[in-house]
Protein backbone atom coordinates (compact mmCIF):
# COMPACT_ATOMS: atom_id res chain seq x y z
CA UNK A 1 0.00 0.00 0.00
CA UNK A 2 2.86 2.38 0.75
CA UNK A 3 4.00 2.48 -2.90
CA UNK A 4 0.50 3.34 -4.06
CA UNK A 5 0.28 6.19 -1.55
CA UNK A 6 3.57 7.64 -2.82
CA UNK A 7 2.39 7.37 -6.39
CA UNK A 8 -0.78 9.30 -5.60
CA UNK A 9 1.04 12.26 -4.04
CA UNK A 10 3.94 12.34 -6.44
CA UNK A 11 4.16 15.07 -9.07
CA UNK A 12 3.20 14.07 -12.60
CA UNK A 13 6.26 13.32 -14.71
CA UNK A 14 6.36 13.30 -18.48
CA UNK A 15 7.35 10.05 -20.09
CA UNK A 16 10.24 10.56 -22.50
CA UNK A 17 11.49 8.20 -25.14
CA UNK A 18 14.88 7.76 -26.77
CA UNK A 19 16.11 5.29 -29.34
CA UNK A 20 19.69 4.25 -30.01
CA UNK A 21 19.98 3.04 -33.61
CA UNK A 22 22.35 0.15 -34.11
CA UNK A 23 22.08 -0.20 -37.85
CA UNK A 24 23.30 2.23 -40.48
CA UNK A 25 19.91 2.06 -42.22
CA UNK A 26 18.61 4.45 -39.53
CA UNK A 27 20.79 7.22 -40.97
CA UNK A 28 17.80 8.40 -42.94
CA UNK A 29 15.90 11.69 -43.04
CA UNK A 30 12.52 9.94 -42.87
CA UNK A 31 13.54 8.29 -39.58
CA UNK A 32 14.79 11.63 -38.22
CA UNK A 33 11.52 13.31 -39.18
CA UNK A 34 9.44 10.57 -37.52
CA UNK A 35 11.48 10.83 -34.31
CA UNK A 36 11.13 14.61 -34.27
CA UNK A 37 7.38 14.46 -34.87
CA UNK A 38 7.04 12.18 -31.83
CA UNK A 39 9.56 14.12 -29.68
CA UNK A 40 11.74 11.00 -29.45
CA UNK A 41 15.44 11.63 -28.90
CA UNK A 42 17.78 9.84 -31.26
CA UNK A 43 20.62 8.76 -29.02
CA UNK A 44 24.09 9.87 -30.04
CA UNK A 45 26.03 6.67 -29.58
CA UNK A 46 29.79 6.86 -29.26
CA UNK A 47 30.79 3.34 -30.19
CA UNK A 48 34.14 3.38 -32.03
CA UNK A 49 32.30 3.43 -35.35
CA UNK A 50 30.41 0.17 -35.02
CA UNK A 51 26.95 1.76 -35.28
CA UNK A 52 25.77 5.04 -36.79
CA UNK A 53 26.77 8.20 -34.95
CA UNK A 54 23.67 10.36 -35.36
CA UNK A 55 24.00 13.76 -33.73
CA UNK A 56 20.47 14.98 -34.42
CA UNK A 57 18.14 17.18 -32.42
CA UNK A 58 14.78 15.40 -32.55
CA UNK A 59 13.40 16.07 -29.07
CA UNK A 60 13.35 18.61 -26.28
CA UNK A 61 16.18 16.70 -24.59
CA UNK A 62 19.47 15.19 -25.71
CA UNK A 63 20.86 11.77 -24.90
CA UNK A 64 24.32 10.33 -25.48
CA UNK A 65 25.55 6.82 -24.69
CA UNK A 66 29.29 6.57 -24.50
CA UNK A 67 30.35 2.99 -25.13
CA UNK A 68 34.00 3.85 -25.77
CA UNK A 69 35.54 5.95 -28.52
CA UNK A 70 38.52 3.70 -29.25
CA UNK A 71 37.47 0.27 -28.04
CA UNK A 72 33.86 -0.75 -27.45
CA UNK A 73 32.93 -0.97 -23.74
CA UNK A 74 36.52 -0.81 -22.50
CA UNK A 75 38.29 2.38 -23.52
CA UNK A 76 38.29 5.32 -21.16
CA UNK A 77 37.88 8.88 -22.37
CA UNK A 78 40.98 11.07 -22.36
CA UNK A 79 40.96 14.79 -21.55
CA UNK A 80 40.48 15.84 -25.18
CA UNK A 81 37.49 13.52 -25.62
CA UNK A 82 35.92 14.67 -22.36
CA UNK A 83 36.43 18.28 -23.44
CA UNK A 84 34.48 17.47 -26.62
CA UNK A 85 31.65 15.88 -24.60
CA UNK A 86 31.62 18.91 -22.29
CA UNK A 87 31.19 21.16 -25.33
CA UNK A 88 28.41 18.93 -26.74
CA UNK A 89 26.61 18.94 -23.39
CA UNK A 90 26.93 22.69 -22.88
CA UNK A 91 25.64 23.35 -26.39
CA UNK A 92 22.44 21.46 -25.61
CA UNK A 93 22.11 23.07 -22.18
CA UNK A 94 22.54 26.48 -23.80
CA UNK A 95 19.51 25.64 -25.97
CA UNK A 96 17.43 24.84 -22.85
CA UNK A 97 17.45 21.08 -23.37
CA UNK A 98 17.84 18.53 -20.64
CA UNK A 99 20.90 16.40 -21.33
CA UNK A 100 21.54 12.78 -20.41
CA UNK A 101 25.02 11.32 -20.85
CA UNK A 102 25.37 7.65 -20.02
CA UNK A 103 28.85 6.16 -19.82
CA UNK A 104 28.72 2.50 -20.80
CA UNK A 105 32.47 1.91 -21.10
CA UNK A 106 32.45 -0.15 -17.95
CA UNK A 107 34.38 -3.38 -18.58
CA UNK A 108 37.54 -1.79 -17.17
CA UNK A 109 35.57 0.26 -14.60
CA UNK A 110 36.17 3.51 -16.49
CA UNK A 111 32.55 4.70 -16.60
CA UNK A 112 32.28 6.20 -13.09
CA UNK A 113 35.61 8.04 -13.43
CA UNK A 114 34.73 9.42 -16.84
CA UNK A 115 31.28 10.50 -15.62
CA UNK A 116 32.76 12.25 -12.58
CA UNK A 117 35.31 13.98 -14.80
CA UNK A 118 32.56 15.26 -17.13
CA UNK A 119 30.51 16.48 -14.17
CA UNK A 120 33.56 18.32 -12.78
CA UNK A 121 34.13 20.01 -16.14
CA UNK A 122 30.49 21.11 -16.30
CA UNK A 123 30.65 22.49 -12.77
CA UNK A 124 33.45 24.95 -13.66
């Protein structure tokens, strides 16, 4: 019962959707237009070139998944790469978009350190 009580008093929250294409066939204007019409974010996936890297604005928020820029799931992000992600994030924030950056380069436990480094850069 406790969970139901919390749900009843909680503020309404919009449900947002994002899609991370993993086939190059998604690099298509018709797909971009459909995502934009539905306010669905097309995830910018950093994945060492394995899948399409689509840096499109299709929603009122931006989402990036960082799987590793040199080696999928294992490479950490160096200072230059984190500077680039800081710039990408700030650009979206400057356009009043919420920004989600998910580090998924976790096989070598780099994700938390890279995330903390990006947060520190944004806090400057």
